[in-house]
Amino acid sequence: MNDKIVEFLKENRIKVTNERTSIIGVLRKTNLPLTPAEIYLQVKTQLPKANLTTVYRNLEMLEDLRLLKRLAFNQTGFSYELLTNRPHHHHAVCKKCGRVEDLENISEKFVDKISQQTNFKIEDHNLEFFGLCENCQKDSG
C-alpha cells in the first residue's frame, strides 16, 4: 500500500485495517472506477471473511477523508476511484454497456473561464460525457 496513505490514516488516528488496505489495493490496481460490489468481490478473494457492509462503511470513510471520489454515472448506482494515484480527470461513459473511459486532456482554462463568467471560486468540478462506445455503436447499427 502507498506509504502516504498509511501515513495519512495514522496521522488522522484511523486504524490501518486489513479491509482498508485491501480496498485501497484493489482501487490502486485499476485505472477505472469500480462499484462497491466489484470492490467487494475483489476484497473477498484476499479476505474471505470480508462483508459488503464493511466495504461500504470503509468506502464512505475513505471518501470523507478525500482519499476516494464517488462517481454517479447512472441512476442505479455509483462507483469509486482512488484520488491519490492520478491527476484530476474526467470521464466518457457509455449509456448502453456502462464502459468508462478516462479523459485527461480537458483544459483547465475552461474551468477558469467558468469561474470568471460566474464570479465563483470553483473548488471542485465533475465533467462527464455520455454516449455510446465504439462497440455499442456497432451493435446499434
Protein backbone atom coordinates (compact mmCIF):
# COMPACT_ATOMS: atom_id res chain seq x y z
CA MET A 1 0.00 0.00 0.00
CA ASN A 2 1.05 3.56 -0.64
CA ASP A 3 3.04 4.77 2.37
CA LYS A 4 1.49 8.23 2.01
CA ILE A 5 -1.97 6.77 2.50
CA VAL A 6 -0.84 4.78 5.55
CA GLU A 7 0.83 7.88 6.98
CA PHE A 8 -2.30 9.93 6.33
CA LEU A 9 -4.52 7.36 8.10
CA LYS A 10 -2.18 7.18 11.06
CA GLU A 11 -1.89 10.97 11.30
CA ASN A 12 -5.68 11.11 11.48
CA ARG A 13 -5.72 8.35 14.14
CA ILE A 14 -7.50 5.91 11.87
CA LYS A 15 -6.68 2.22 12.16
CA VAL A 16 -4.94 0.68 9.17
CA THR A 17 -7.10 -2.45 8.93
CA ASN A 18 -6.79 -5.34 6.51
CA GLU A 19 -10.09 -4.31 4.92
CA ARG A 20 -8.94 -0.72 4.31
CA THR A 21 -5.60 -1.92 2.99
CA SER A 22 -7.34 -4.35 0.66
CA ILE A 23 -9.88 -1.78 -0.62
CA ILE A 24 -7.15 0.72 -1.38
CA GLY A 25 -5.07 -2.01 -3.04
CA VAL A 26 -7.99 -3.03 -5.26
CA LEU A 27 -8.60 0.57 -6.35
CA ARG A 28 -4.91 1.17 -6.92
CA LYS A 29 -4.68 -1.79 -9.34
CA THR A 30 -7.29 -0.32 -11.70
CA ASN A 31 -7.48 2.90 -13.63
CA LEU A 32 -11.25 2.66 -13.85
CA PRO A 33 -13.92 3.45 -11.27
CA LEU A 34 -15.34 0.35 -9.55
CA THR A 35 -18.73 -0.21 -7.94
CA PRO A 36 -18.87 -1.24 -4.28
CA ALA A 37 -19.91 -4.74 -5.41
CA GLU A 38 -16.89 -5.02 -7.73
CA ILE A 39 -14.59 -3.85 -4.94
CA TYR A 40 -16.20 -6.30 -2.51
CA LEU A 41 -15.72 -9.26 -4.87
CA GLN A 42 -12.02 -8.47 -5.22
CA VAL A 43 -11.54 -7.83 -1.49
CA LYS A 44 -13.28 -11.16 -0.74
CA THR A 45 -10.60 -13.05 -2.72
CA GLN A 46 -7.99 -11.66 -0.30
CA LEU A 47 -10.13 -11.62 2.84
CA PRO A 48 -12.75 -14.39 2.68
CA LYS A 49 -14.50 -13.17 5.85
CA ALA A 50 -15.00 -9.64 4.48
CA ASN A 51 -18.59 -8.49 4.14
CA LEU A 52 -20.30 -5.96 1.89
CA THR A 53 -21.44 -3.75 4.77
CA THR A 54 -17.86 -3.32 5.96
CA VAL A 55 -16.75 -2.46 2.43
CA TYR A 56 -19.49 0.20 2.15
CA ARG A 57 -18.57 1.68 5.55
CA ASN A 58 -14.90 1.85 4.63
CA LEU A 59 -15.64 3.38 1.23
CA GLU A 60 -17.70 6.12 2.88
CA MET A 61 -15.00 6.80 5.46
CA LEU A 62 -12.24 6.92 2.81
CA GLU A 63 -14.42 9.26 0.74
CA ASP A 64 -14.93 11.54 3.76
CA LEU A 65 -11.14 11.67 4.11
CA ARG A 66 -10.91 12.67 0.42
CA LEU A 67 -8.88 9.61 -0.50
CA LEU A 68 -11.66 8.35 -2.78
CA LYS A 69 -14.13 10.01 -5.08
CA ARG A 70 -17.66 8.71 -5.52
CA LEU A 71 -18.95 8.96 -9.09
CA ALA A 72 -22.60 8.63 -10.11
CA PHE A 73 -22.69 7.71 -13.79
CA ASN A 74 -26.26 6.45 -13.78
CA GLN A 75 -29.30 6.39 -11.57
CA THR A 76 -28.85 2.79 -10.43
CA GLY A 77 -25.63 3.13 -8.50
CA PHE A 78 -22.23 4.70 -8.15
CA SER A 79 -18.55 3.89 -8.45
CA TYR A 80 -15.39 4.86 -6.60
CA GLU A 81 -11.91 5.74 -7.69
CA LEU A 82 -8.75 6.44 -5.74
CA LEU A 83 -7.76 10.10 -5.82
CA THR A 84 -4.16 9.72 -4.71
CA ASN A 85 -2.80 7.84 -7.70
CA ARG A 86 -3.75 10.13 -10.59
CA PRO A 87 -4.21 13.70 -11.64
CA HIS A 88 -7.64 15.27 -11.95
CA HIS A 89 -9.52 13.85 -14.94
CA HIS A 90 -12.95 13.44 -16.48
CA HIS A 91 -14.91 10.55 -17.98
CA ALA A 92 -16.74 9.39 -21.09
CA VAL A 93 -19.47 6.89 -20.14
CA CYS A 94 -21.32 4.50 -22.43
CA LYS A 95 -25.06 4.74 -21.76
CA LYS A 96 -25.64 1.20 -23.03
CA CYS A 97 -22.93 -1.00 -21.51
CA GLY A 98 -21.56 1.30 -18.79
CA ARG A 99 -17.98 1.31 -20.10
CA VAL A 100 -15.97 4.24 -18.69
CA GLU A 101 -13.03 5.91 -20.40
CA ASP A 102 -10.83 8.45 -18.65
CA LEU A 103 -10.34 11.83 -20.31
CA GLU A 104 -7.26 13.66 -19.13
CA ASN A 105 -6.89 16.35 -21.78
CA ILE A 106 -9.76 18.64 -20.84
CA SER A 107 -8.28 22.12 -20.46
CA GLU A 108 -8.38 23.69 -17.03
CA LYS A 109 -8.71 27.01 -18.90
CA PHE A 110 -12.36 26.00 -19.34
CA VAL A 111 -12.78 25.91 -15.55
CA ASP A 112 -11.04 29.28 -15.23
CA LYS A 113 -13.42 30.76 -17.82
CA ILE A 114 -16.47 29.44 -15.93
CA SER A 115 -15.06 30.92 -12.73
CA GLN A 116 -14.61 34.32 -14.37
CA GLN A 117 -18.05 34.26 -16.01
CA THR A 118 -19.90 33.32 -12.82
CA ASN A 119 -17.68 35.06 -10.27
CA PHE A 120 -17.50 31.71 -8.43
CA LYS A 121 -14.42 30.43 -6.68
CA ILE A 122 -14.53 26.93 -8.17
CA GLU A 123 -13.30 24.43 -5.58
CA ASP A 124 -14.14 21.21 -7.40
CA HIS A 125 -15.93 20.03 -10.50
CA ASN A 126 -17.08 16.91 -12.32
CA LEU A 127 -17.38 16.65 -16.06
CA GLU A 128 -18.76 13.52 -17.67
CA PHE A 129 -19.73 12.87 -21.25
CA PHE A 130 -22.43 10.29 -22.01
CA GLY A 131 -22.96 8.45 -25.29
CA LEU A 132 -22.30 5.11 -26.98
CA CYS A 133 -18.89 3.44 -27.01
CA GLU A 134 -17.47 2.06 -30.25
CA ASN A 135 -18.72 -1.49 -29.60
CA CYS A 136 -22.26 -0.36 -28.72
CA GLN A 137 -22.37 1.85 -31.82
CA LYS A 138 -21.59 -1.22 -33.93
CA ASP A 139 -24.29 -3.25 -32.13
CA SER A 140 -26.85 -0.48 -32.67
CA GLY A 141 -26.03 -0.02 -36.36
